[in-house]
Amino acid sequence: MILNIAAYQFVPIDDPDALASRLREQAGARALLGSVLIAEEGINLFLAGADAGVESFVTELRADPRFADIVIKRSRSDTQPFARLKIRVKPEIISFRQAEAKPLARRAPAVSPVDLARWIAQGQDDQGKRLLLLDTRNQQEVVYGSFSGAMTLPIDKFTDLPKALAENRDALDGATVVSFCTGGIRCEKAALWMEAEGIENVYQLDGGILGYFEQIGGFGYEGQCFVFDERVALDSELRPLVGGESELADS
């Protein structure tokens, strides 16, 4: 079977082009396929290949002090879900274009999958506040599944979220808001932006949906989680659907 990894980290990168060149060589030497986005704010990667190649790549990546603590999410597939290796330098590792959402400066409060599962079971947080789960993903992803009762927005790309959320601002009043996304990167920026906008009691789901599946399973979640490769979507046991085609997108 193929080992798939997904990871991101917000960390200052003073020479993104040099890092891109190095990772291209390291991934290519191990016959890994997938996508890596690099920006001055960090790295975002989805890669797949043989176990030995993937794990040695991770070991070498973590040898760089900037990525020593990078969190890796692992899953399996019967076939290689990527057609090629793409390593690109971008202005952001996920396009949002909001000056207030700068994870290099600080991180918004996070809730662990274990704590969120408890909140879902209670229908409220530990202080008794109403729980509102906010899906920050695009509507094309949401159709595959989401947390039960979550607020979803009619957006086609992440940069549309601020306007769409402004039109639903009243629904957030008095609630504990937990933003979530596939792996954590979008909900991390979204939570920071919401705090800057004066929205109170905002959290991000640590590790996103995939991290929740890994630790908890499907409790409180309906359907699958869309992923940006040929597996299309993963169920709560991180098993892929068959067929389809997609790409890592910075939207």
C-alpha atoms as a PDB file:
ATOM      1  CA  MET A   1       0.000   0.000   0.000  1.00  0.00           C
ATOM      2  CA  ILE A   2       0.963   3.633  -0.475  1.00  0.00           C
ATOM      3  CA  LEU A   3       1.695   5.839   2.529  1.00  0.00           C
ATOM      4  CA  ASN A   4       0.130   9.305   2.278  1.00  0.00           C
ATOM      5  CA  ILE A   5       1.199  12.221   4.447  1.00  0.00           C
ATOM      6  CA  ALA A   6      -0.250  15.677   4.957  1.00  0.00           C
ATOM      7  CA  ALA A   7       1.365  18.432   6.994  1.00  0.00           C
ATOM      8  CA  TYR A   8       1.699  22.166   7.347  1.00  0.00           C
ATOM      9  CA  GLN A   9       3.565  24.551   9.579  1.00  0.00           C
ATOM     10  CA  PHE A  10       3.571  28.296   9.903  1.00  0.00           C
ATOM     11  CA  VAL A  11       7.220  29.278  10.379  1.00  0.00           C
ATOM     12  CA  PRO A  12       9.381  32.046   8.885  1.00  0.00           C
ATOM     13  CA  ILE A  13      11.068  30.973   5.639  1.00  0.00           C
ATOM     14  CA  ASP A  14      13.682  33.522   4.614  1.00  0.00           C
ATOM     15  CA  ASP A  15      14.499  31.864   1.265  1.00  0.00           C
ATOM     16  CA  PRO A  16      11.472  29.941  -0.055  1.00  0.00           C
ATOM     17  CA  ASP A  17      13.134  29.238  -3.418  1.00  0.00           C
ATOM     18  CA  ALA A  18      16.118  27.551  -1.778  1.00  0.00           C
ATOM     19  CA  LEU A  19      13.834  25.398   0.372  1.00  0.00           C
ATOM     20  CA  ALA A  20      11.752  24.479  -2.683  1.00  0.00           C
ATOM     21  CA  SER A  21      14.845  23.374  -4.550  1.00  0.00           C
ATOM     22  CA  ARG A  22      16.042  21.257  -1.645  1.00  0.00           C
ATOM     23  CA  LEU A  23      12.682  19.565  -1.058  1.00  0.00           C
ATOM     24  CA  ARG A  24      12.267  18.915  -4.783  1.00  0.00           C
ATOM     25  CA  GLU A  25      15.565  17.040  -4.776  1.00  0.00           C
ATOM     26  CA  GLN A  26      14.771  15.131  -1.583  1.00  0.00           C
ATOM     27  CA  ALA A  27      11.254  14.114  -2.647  1.00  0.00           C
ATOM     28  CA  GLY A  28      12.356  13.263  -6.191  1.00  0.00           C
ATOM     29  CA  ALA A  29      15.182  11.048  -4.959  1.00  0.00           C
ATOM     30  CA  ARG A  30      12.607   9.020  -3.021  1.00  0.00           C
ATOM     31  CA  ALA A  31      10.100   8.812  -5.915  1.00  0.00           C
ATOM     32  CA  LEU A  32       7.503  10.717  -3.916  1.00  0.00           C
ATOM     33  CA  LEU A  33       4.609  12.372  -5.710  1.00  0.00           C
ATOM     34  CA  GLY A  34       2.261  15.103  -4.549  1.00  0.00           C
ATOM     35  CA  SER A  35       2.252  18.830  -3.868  1.00  0.00           C
ATOM     36  CA  VAL A  36       4.298  21.127  -1.673  1.00  0.00           C
ATOM     37  CA  LEU A  37       3.517  24.816  -1.276  1.00  0.00           C
ATOM     38  CA  ILE A  38       6.161  27.072   0.249  1.00  0.00           C
ATOM     39  CA  ALA A  39       5.891  30.733   1.249  1.00  0.00           C
ATOM     40  CA  GLU A  40       7.632  33.116   3.589  1.00  0.00           C
ATOM     41  CA  GLU A  41       4.969  32.144   6.151  1.00  0.00           C
ATOM     42  CA  GLY A  42       5.641  28.381   6.066  1.00  0.00           C
ATOM     43  CA  ILE A  43       5.026  25.093   4.289  1.00  0.00           C
ATOM     44  CA  ASN A  44       1.985  23.027   3.252  1.00  0.00           C
ATOM     45  CA  LEU A  45       2.493  19.535   1.828  1.00  0.00           C
ATOM     46  CA  PHE A  46       0.675  16.451   0.589  1.00  0.00           C
ATOM     47  CA  LEU A  47       2.989  13.621  -0.488  1.00  0.00           C
ATOM     48  CA  ALA A  48       2.709   9.892  -1.126  1.00  0.00           C
ATOM     49  CA  GLY A  49       5.008   6.983  -1.853  1.00  0.00           C
ATOM     50  CA  ALA A  50       6.615   3.866  -0.405  1.00  0.00           C
ATOM     51  CA  ASP A  51       6.897   3.743   3.383  1.00  0.00           C
ATOM     52  CA  ALA A  52      10.695   3.895   3.496  1.00  0.00           C
ATOM     53  CA  GLY A  53      10.865   6.862   1.154  1.00  0.00           C
ATOM     54  CA  VAL A  54       8.141   8.821   2.945  1.00  0.00           C
ATOM     55  CA  GLU A  55       9.529   8.195   6.414  1.00  0.00           C
ATOM     56  CA  SER A  56      13.098   9.074   5.431  1.00  0.00           C
ATOM     57  CA  PHE A  57      11.785  12.290   3.834  1.00  0.00           C
ATOM     58  CA  VAL A  58      10.008  13.159   7.088  1.00  0.00           C
ATOM     59  CA  THR A  59      13.162  12.419   9.081  1.00  0.00           C
ATOM     60  CA  GLU A  60      15.211  14.698   6.844  1.00  0.00           C
ATOM     61  CA  LEU A  61      12.557  17.414   6.957  1.00  0.00           C
ATOM     62  CA  ARG A  62      12.511  17.345  10.755  1.00  0.00           C
ATOM     63  CA  ALA A  63      16.309  17.602  10.828  1.00  0.00           C
ATOM     64  CA  ASP A  64      15.738  21.228   9.820  1.00  0.00           C
ATOM     65  CA  PRO A  65      15.147  23.006  13.165  1.00  0.00           C
ATOM     66  CA  ARG A  66      12.293  24.999  11.630  1.00  0.00           C
ATOM     67  CA  PHE A  67      10.321  21.786  11.095  1.00  0.00           C
ATOM     68  CA  ALA A  68      11.474  19.736  14.071  1.00  0.00           C
ATOM     69  CA  ASP A  69       7.940  19.672  15.522  1.00  0.00           C
ATOM     70  CA  ILE A  70       5.889  19.502  12.329  1.00  0.00           C
ATOM     71  CA  VAL A  71       2.791  17.329  12.821  1.00  0.00           C
ATOM     72  CA  ILE A  72       2.389  14.633  10.164  1.00  0.00           C
ATOM     73  CA  LYS A  73      -0.987  13.071   9.353  1.00  0.00           C
ATOM     74  CA  ARG A  74      -0.711   9.617   7.778  1.00  0.00           C
ATOM     75  CA  SER A  75      -3.197   7.545   5.795  1.00  0.00           C
ATOM     76  CA  ARG A  76      -3.111   4.651   3.323  1.00  0.00           C
ATOM     77  CA  SER A  77      -4.250   4.001  -0.234  1.00  0.00           C
ATOM     78  CA  ASP A  78      -3.980   1.023  -2.568  1.00  0.00           C
ATOM     79  CA  THR A  79      -2.584   3.151  -5.386  1.00  0.00           C
ATOM     80  CA  GLN A  80      -0.558   6.349  -5.782  1.00  0.00           C
ATOM     81  CA  PRO A  81      -3.095   9.214  -5.533  1.00  0.00           C
ATOM     82  CA  PHE A  82      -0.894  11.805  -7.251  1.00  0.00           C
ATOM     83  CA  ALA A  83       0.141  11.973 -10.887  1.00  0.00           C
ATOM     84  CA  ARG A  84       3.294  14.051 -10.430  1.00  0.00           C
ATOM     85  CA  LEU A  85       5.428  16.017  -7.997  1.00  0.00           C
ATOM     86  CA  LYS A  86       4.703  19.750  -7.801  1.00  0.00           C
ATOM     87  CA  ILE A  87       6.681  22.059  -5.555  1.00  0.00           C
ATOM     88  CA  ARG A  88       5.717  25.724  -5.808  1.00  0.00           C
ATOM     89  CA  VAL A  89       6.568  28.992  -4.101  1.00  0.00           C
ATOM     90  CA  LYS A  90       3.525  31.147  -3.317  1.00  0.00           C
ATOM     91  CA  PRO A  91       2.750  34.399  -1.473  1.00  0.00           C
ATOM     92  CA  GLU A  92       0.793  32.332   1.104  1.00  0.00           C
ATOM     93  CA  ILE A  93       0.645  28.607   1.780  1.00  0.00           C
ATOM     94  CA  ILE A  94      -3.129  29.047   1.733  1.00  0.00           C
ATOM     95  CA  SER A  95      -4.511  32.141   0.027  1.00  0.00           C
ATOM     96  CA  PHE A  96      -6.659  34.285   2.321  1.00  0.00           C
ATOM     97  CA  ARG A  97      -5.420  37.857   1.695  1.00  0.00           C
ATOM     98  CA  GLN A  98      -6.383  39.123   5.139  1.00  0.00           C
ATOM     99  CA  ALA A  99      -3.724  41.139   6.939  1.00  0.00           C
ATOM    100  CA  GLU A 100      -5.189  40.262  10.347  1.00  0.00           C
ATOM    101  CA  ALA A 101      -4.699  36.518   9.787  1.00  0.00           C
ATOM    102  CA  LYS A 102      -0.957  36.179  10.370  1.00  0.00           C
ATOM    103  CA  PRO A 103      -0.190  32.902  12.171  1.00  0.00           C
ATOM    104  CA  LEU A 104       3.504  33.799  12.398  1.00  0.00           C
ATOM    105  CA  ALA A 105       2.646  36.453  14.968  1.00  0.00           C
ATOM    106  CA  ARG A 106       0.369  34.303  17.134  1.00  0.00           C
ATOM    107  CA  ARG A 107      -1.923  31.299  17.069  1.00  0.00           C
ATOM    108  CA  ALA A 108      -5.620  31.403  17.821  1.00  0.00           C
ATOM    109  CA  PRO A 109      -6.853  29.195  20.686  1.00  0.00           C
ATOM    110  CA  ALA A 110      -7.271  25.573  19.627  1.00  0.00           C
ATOM    111  CA  VAL A 111      -9.562  22.813  20.828  1.00  0.00           C
ATOM    112  CA  SER A 112      -8.351  19.223  20.697  1.00  0.00           C
ATOM    113  CA  PRO A 113     -10.381  16.491  18.962  1.00  0.00           C
ATOM    114  CA  VAL A 114     -11.004  14.845  22.340  1.00  0.00           C
ATOM    115  CA  ASP A 115     -12.398  18.034  23.843  1.00  0.00           C
ATOM    116  CA  LEU A 116     -14.475  18.809  20.763  1.00  0.00           C
ATOM    117  CA  ALA A 117     -16.035  15.341  20.844  1.00  0.00           C
ATOM    118  CA  ARG A 118     -17.052  16.006  24.445  1.00  0.00           C
ATOM    119  CA  TRP A 119     -18.513  19.389  23.511  1.00  0.00           C
ATOM    120  CA  ILE A 120     -20.460  17.802  20.663  1.00  0.00           C
ATOM    121  CA  ALA A 121     -21.864  15.167  23.037  1.00  0.00           C
ATOM    122  CA  GLN A 122     -22.836  17.904  25.514  1.00  0.00           C
ATOM    123  CA  GLY A 123     -24.138  20.299  22.866  1.00  0.00           C
ATOM    124  CA  GLN A 124     -22.141  23.042  24.579  1.00  0.00           C
ATOM    125  CA  ASP A 125     -18.638  23.834  25.791  1.00  0.00           C
ATOM    126  CA  ASP A 126     -17.456  23.189  29.335  1.00  0.00           C
ATOM    127  CA  GLN A 127     -18.714  26.616  30.450  1.00  0.00           C
ATOM    128  CA  GLY A 128     -22.191  25.919  29.137  1.00  0.00           C
ATOM    129  CA  LYS A 129     -21.982  28.132  26.046  1.00  0.00           C
ATOM    130  CA  ARG A 130     -23.809  27.077  22.890  1.00  0.00           C
ATOM    131  CA  LEU A 131     -21.510  25.262  20.450  1.00  0.00           C
ATOM    132  CA  LEU A 132     -21.333  26.449  16.844  1.00  0.00           C
ATOM    133  CA  LEU A 133     -19.190  24.471  14.411  1.00  0.00           C
ATOM    134  CA  LEU A 134     -18.073  26.604  11.454  1.00  0.00           C
ATOM    135  CA  ASP A 135     -16.990  24.845   8.260  1.00  0.00           C
ATOM    136  CA  THR A 136     -14.386  27.041   6.550  1.00  0.00           C
ATOM    137  CA  ARG A 137     -14.087  24.848   3.443  1.00  0.00           C
ATOM    138  CA  ASN A 138     -15.457  25.457  -0.037  1.00  0.00           C
ATOM    139  CA  GLN A 139     -18.964  24.292  -0.886  1.00  0.00           C
ATOM    140  CA  GLN A 140     -17.554  21.764  -3.395  1.00  0.00           C
ATOM    141  CA  GLU A 141     -15.861  20.018  -0.467  1.00  0.00           C
ATOM    142  CA  VAL A 142     -18.761  20.265   1.952  1.00  0.00           C
ATOM    143  CA  VAL A 143     -21.034  18.158  -0.260  1.00  0.00           C
ATOM    144  CA  TYR A 144     -18.954  15.092   0.674  1.00  0.00           C
ATOM    145  CA  GLY A 145     -19.611  15.563   4.375  1.00  0.00           C
ATOM    146  CA  SER A 146     -19.306  17.810   7.421  1.00  0.00           C
ATOM    147  CA  PHE A 147     -19.961  17.852  11.144  1.00  0.00           C
ATOM    148  CA  SER A 148     -23.639  17.402  11.895  1.00  0.00           C
ATOM    149  CA  GLY A 149     -25.394  20.756  12.220  1.00  0.00           C
ATOM    150  CA  ALA A 150     -22.318  22.771  11.261  1.00  0.00           C
ATOM    151  CA  MET A 151     -22.647  26.201   9.680  1.00  0.00           C
ATOM    152  CA  THR A 152     -21.540  25.928   6.058  1.00  0.00           C
ATOM    153  CA  LEU A 153     -21.060  28.852   3.697  1.00  0.00           C
ATOM    154  CA  PRO A 154     -21.732  29.152  -0.077  1.00  0.00           C
ATOM    155  CA  ILE A 155     -18.115  29.891  -0.988  1.00  0.00           C
ATOM    156  CA  ASP A 156     -16.031  28.640  -3.910  1.00  0.00           C
ATOM    157  CA  LYS A 157     -12.665  29.698  -2.493  1.00  0.00           C
ATOM    158  CA  PHE A 158     -11.262  30.533   0.911  1.00  0.00           C
ATOM    159  CA  THR A 159     -10.885  34.225   0.103  1.00  0.00           C
ATOM    160  CA  ASP A 160     -14.711  34.422  -0.118  1.00  0.00           C
ATOM    161  CA  LEU A 161     -15.134  33.480   3.543  1.00  0.00           C
ATOM    162  CA  PRO A 162     -15.003  36.964   5.169  1.00  0.00           C
ATOM    163  CA  LYS A 163     -17.852  38.339   3.052  1.00  0.00           C
ATOM    164  CA  ALA A 164     -19.983  35.205   3.416  1.00  0.00           C
ATOM    165  CA  LEU A 165     -19.458  35.075   7.175  1.00  0.00           C
ATOM    166  CA  ALA A 166     -20.325  38.759   7.570  1.00  0.00           C
ATOM    167  CA  GLU A 167     -23.758  37.962   6.183  1.00  0.00           C
ATOM    168  CA  ASN A 168     -24.243  35.344   8.937  1.00  0.00           C
ATOM    169  CA  ARG A 169     -22.557  37.214  11.778  1.00  0.00           C
ATOM    170  CA  ASP A 170     -25.614  37.239  14.053  1.00  0.00           C
ATOM    171  CA  ALA A 171     -25.630  33.434  14.260  1.00  0.00           C
ATOM    172  CA  LEU A 172     -22.262  33.537  16.042  1.00  0.00           C
ATOM    173  CA  ASP A 173     -23.388  35.829  18.866  1.00  0.00           C
ATOM    174  CA  GLY A 174     -23.232  34.182  22.282  1.00  0.00           C
ATOM    175  CA  ALA A 175     -21.755  30.938  20.938  1.00  0.00           C
ATOM    176  CA  THR A 176     -18.435  29.194  21.306  1.00  0.00           C
ATOM    177  CA  VAL A 177     -17.314  29.053  17.674  1.00  0.00           C
ATOM    178  CA  VAL A 178     -15.051  26.226  16.508  1.00  0.00           C
ATOM    179  CA  SER A 179     -13.724  26.707  12.993  1.00  0.00           C
ATOM    180  CA  PHE A 180     -12.671  23.549  11.162  1.00  0.00           C
ATOM    181  CA  CYS A 181     -11.288  22.480   7.800  1.00  0.00           C
ATOM    182  CA  THR A 182      -9.531  19.497   6.232  1.00  0.00           C
ATOM    183  CA  GLY A 183      -6.187  19.552   8.009  1.00  0.00           C
ATOM    184  CA  GLY A 184      -6.178  22.718  10.108  1.00  0.00           C
ATOM    185  CA  ILE A 185      -4.541  25.321   7.903  1.00  0.00           C
ATOM    186  CA  ARG A 186      -7.635  27.257   6.799  1.00  0.00           C
ATOM    187  CA  CYS A 187      -9.385  27.154  10.171  1.00  0.00           C
ATOM    188  CA  GLU A 188      -6.194  28.470  11.783  1.00  0.00           C
ATOM    189  CA  LYS A 189      -6.229  31.585   9.609  1.00  0.00           C
ATOM    190  CA  ALA A 190     -10.014  31.921   9.851  1.00  0.00           C
ATOM    191  CA  ALA A 191      -9.951  31.834  13.649  1.00  0.00           C
ATOM    192  CA  LEU A 192      -7.339  34.594  13.788  1.00  0.00           C
ATOM    193  CA  TRP A 193      -9.333  36.730  11.381  1.00  0.00           C
ATOM    194  CA  MET A 194     -12.550  36.254  13.380  1.00  0.00           C
ATOM    195  CA  GLU A 195     -10.808  37.293  16.577  1.00  0.00           C
ATOM    196  CA  ALA A 196      -9.524  40.426  14.848  1.00  0.00           C
ATOM    197  CA  GLU A 197     -13.084  41.150  13.741  1.00  0.00           C
ATOM    198  CA  GLY A 198     -14.247  41.132  17.350  1.00  0.00           C
ATOM    199  CA  ILE A 199     -15.946  37.739  17.332  1.00  0.00           C
ATOM    200  CA  GLU A 200     -15.604  36.255  20.817  1.00  0.00           C
ATOM    201  CA  ASN A 201     -15.014  32.684  22.010  1.00  0.00           C
ATOM    202  CA  VAL A 202     -13.356  31.511  18.785  1.00  0.00           C
ATOM    203  CA  TYR A 203     -11.345  28.299  18.522  1.00  0.00           C
ATOM    204  CA  GLN A 204      -9.793  26.280  15.739  1.00  0.00           C
ATOM    205  CA  LEU A 205     -10.042  22.486  15.598  1.00  0.00           C
ATOM    206  CA  ASP A 206      -6.476  21.318  16.167  1.00  0.00           C
ATOM    207  CA  GLY A 207      -5.470  19.095  13.231  1.00  0.00           C
ATOM    208  CA  GLY A 208      -8.688  19.680  11.320  1.00  0.00           C
ATOM    209  CA  ILE A 209     -11.097  16.946  10.254  1.00  0.00           C
ATOM    210  CA  LEU A 210      -8.326  14.485   9.428  1.00  0.00           C
ATOM    211  CA  GLY A 211      -6.832  14.893  12.881  1.00  0.00           C
ATOM    212  CA  TYR A 212     -10.294  14.387  14.381  1.00  0.00           C
ATOM    213  CA  PHE A 213     -10.815  11.202  12.356  1.00  0.00           C
ATOM    214  CA  GLU A 214      -7.399   9.932  13.451  1.00  0.00           C
ATOM    215  CA  GLN A 215      -8.086  10.446  17.156  1.00  0.00           C
ATOM    216  CA  ILE A 216     -11.861  10.126  17.484  1.00  0.00           C
ATOM    217  CA  GLY A 217     -13.333   8.563  14.341  1.00  0.00           C
ATOM    218  CA  GLY A 218     -16.660   9.701  12.957  1.00  0.00           C
ATOM    219  CA  PHE A 219     -18.503  10.749  16.119  1.00  0.00           C
ATOM    220  CA  GLY A 220     -20.607  13.793  15.267  1.00  0.00           C
ATOM    221  CA  TYR A 221     -19.532  13.795  11.620  1.00  0.00           C
ATOM    222  CA  GLU A 222     -21.715  12.871   8.638  1.00  0.00           C
ATOM    223  CA  GLY A 223     -20.218  11.568   5.382  1.00  0.00           C
ATOM    224  CA  GLN A 224     -16.615  11.723   4.216  1.00  0.00           C
ATOM    225  CA  CYS A 225     -13.885  14.357   4.138  1.00  0.00           C
ATOM    226  CA  PHE A 226     -12.868  15.649   0.717  1.00  0.00           C
ATOM    227  CA  VAL A 227      -9.118  15.543   0.058  1.00  0.00           C
ATOM    228  CA  PHE A 228      -7.104  17.159  -2.705  1.00  0.00           C
ATOM    229  CA  ASP A 229      -5.972  14.102  -4.636  1.00  0.00           C
ATOM    230  CA  GLU A 230      -7.286  11.149  -6.618  1.00  0.00           C
ATOM    231  CA  ARG A 231      -8.663   9.449  -3.517  1.00  0.00           C
ATOM    232  CA  VAL A 232     -11.363  12.170  -3.631  1.00  0.00           C
ATOM    233  CA  ALA A 233     -12.531  11.701  -0.027  1.00  0.00           C
ATOM    234  CA  LEU A 234     -11.705   9.732   3.118  1.00  0.00           C
ATOM    235  CA  ASP A 235     -14.129   8.133   5.531  1.00  0.00           C
ATOM    236  CA  SER A 236     -13.814   8.413   9.295  1.00  0.00           C
ATOM    237  CA  GLU A 237     -11.364   5.478   9.324  1.00  0.00           C
ATOM    238  CA  LEU A 238      -9.191   7.336   6.781  1.00  0.00           C
ATOM    239  CA  ARG A 239     -10.102   4.898   4.002  1.00  0.00           C
ATOM    240  CA  PRO A 240     -10.317   6.407   0.510  1.00  0.00           C
ATOM    241  CA  LEU A 241     -13.114   6.418  -1.986  1.00  0.00           C
ATOM    242  CA  VAL A 242     -12.233   4.919  -5.360  1.00  0.00           C
ATOM    243  CA  GLY A 243     -11.744   6.959  -8.522  1.00  0.00           C
ATOM    244  CA  GLY A 244     -11.962  10.681  -9.218  1.00  0.00           C
ATOM    245  CA  GLU A 245      -9.340  13.332  -9.694  1.00  0.00           C
ATOM    246  CA  SER A 246      -8.355  16.491  -7.886  1.00  0.00           C
ATOM    247  CA  GLU A 247      -5.344  18.651  -7.055  1.00  0.00           C
ATOM    248  CA  LEU A 248      -3.967  20.488  -4.070  1.00  0.00           C
ATOM    249  CA  ALA A 249      -5.384  23.987  -4.340  1.00  0.00           C
ATOM    250  CA  ASP A 250      -4.566  27.173  -2.475  1.00  0.00           C
ATOM    251  CA  SER A 251      -8.220  28.196  -2.333  1.00  0.00           C
END
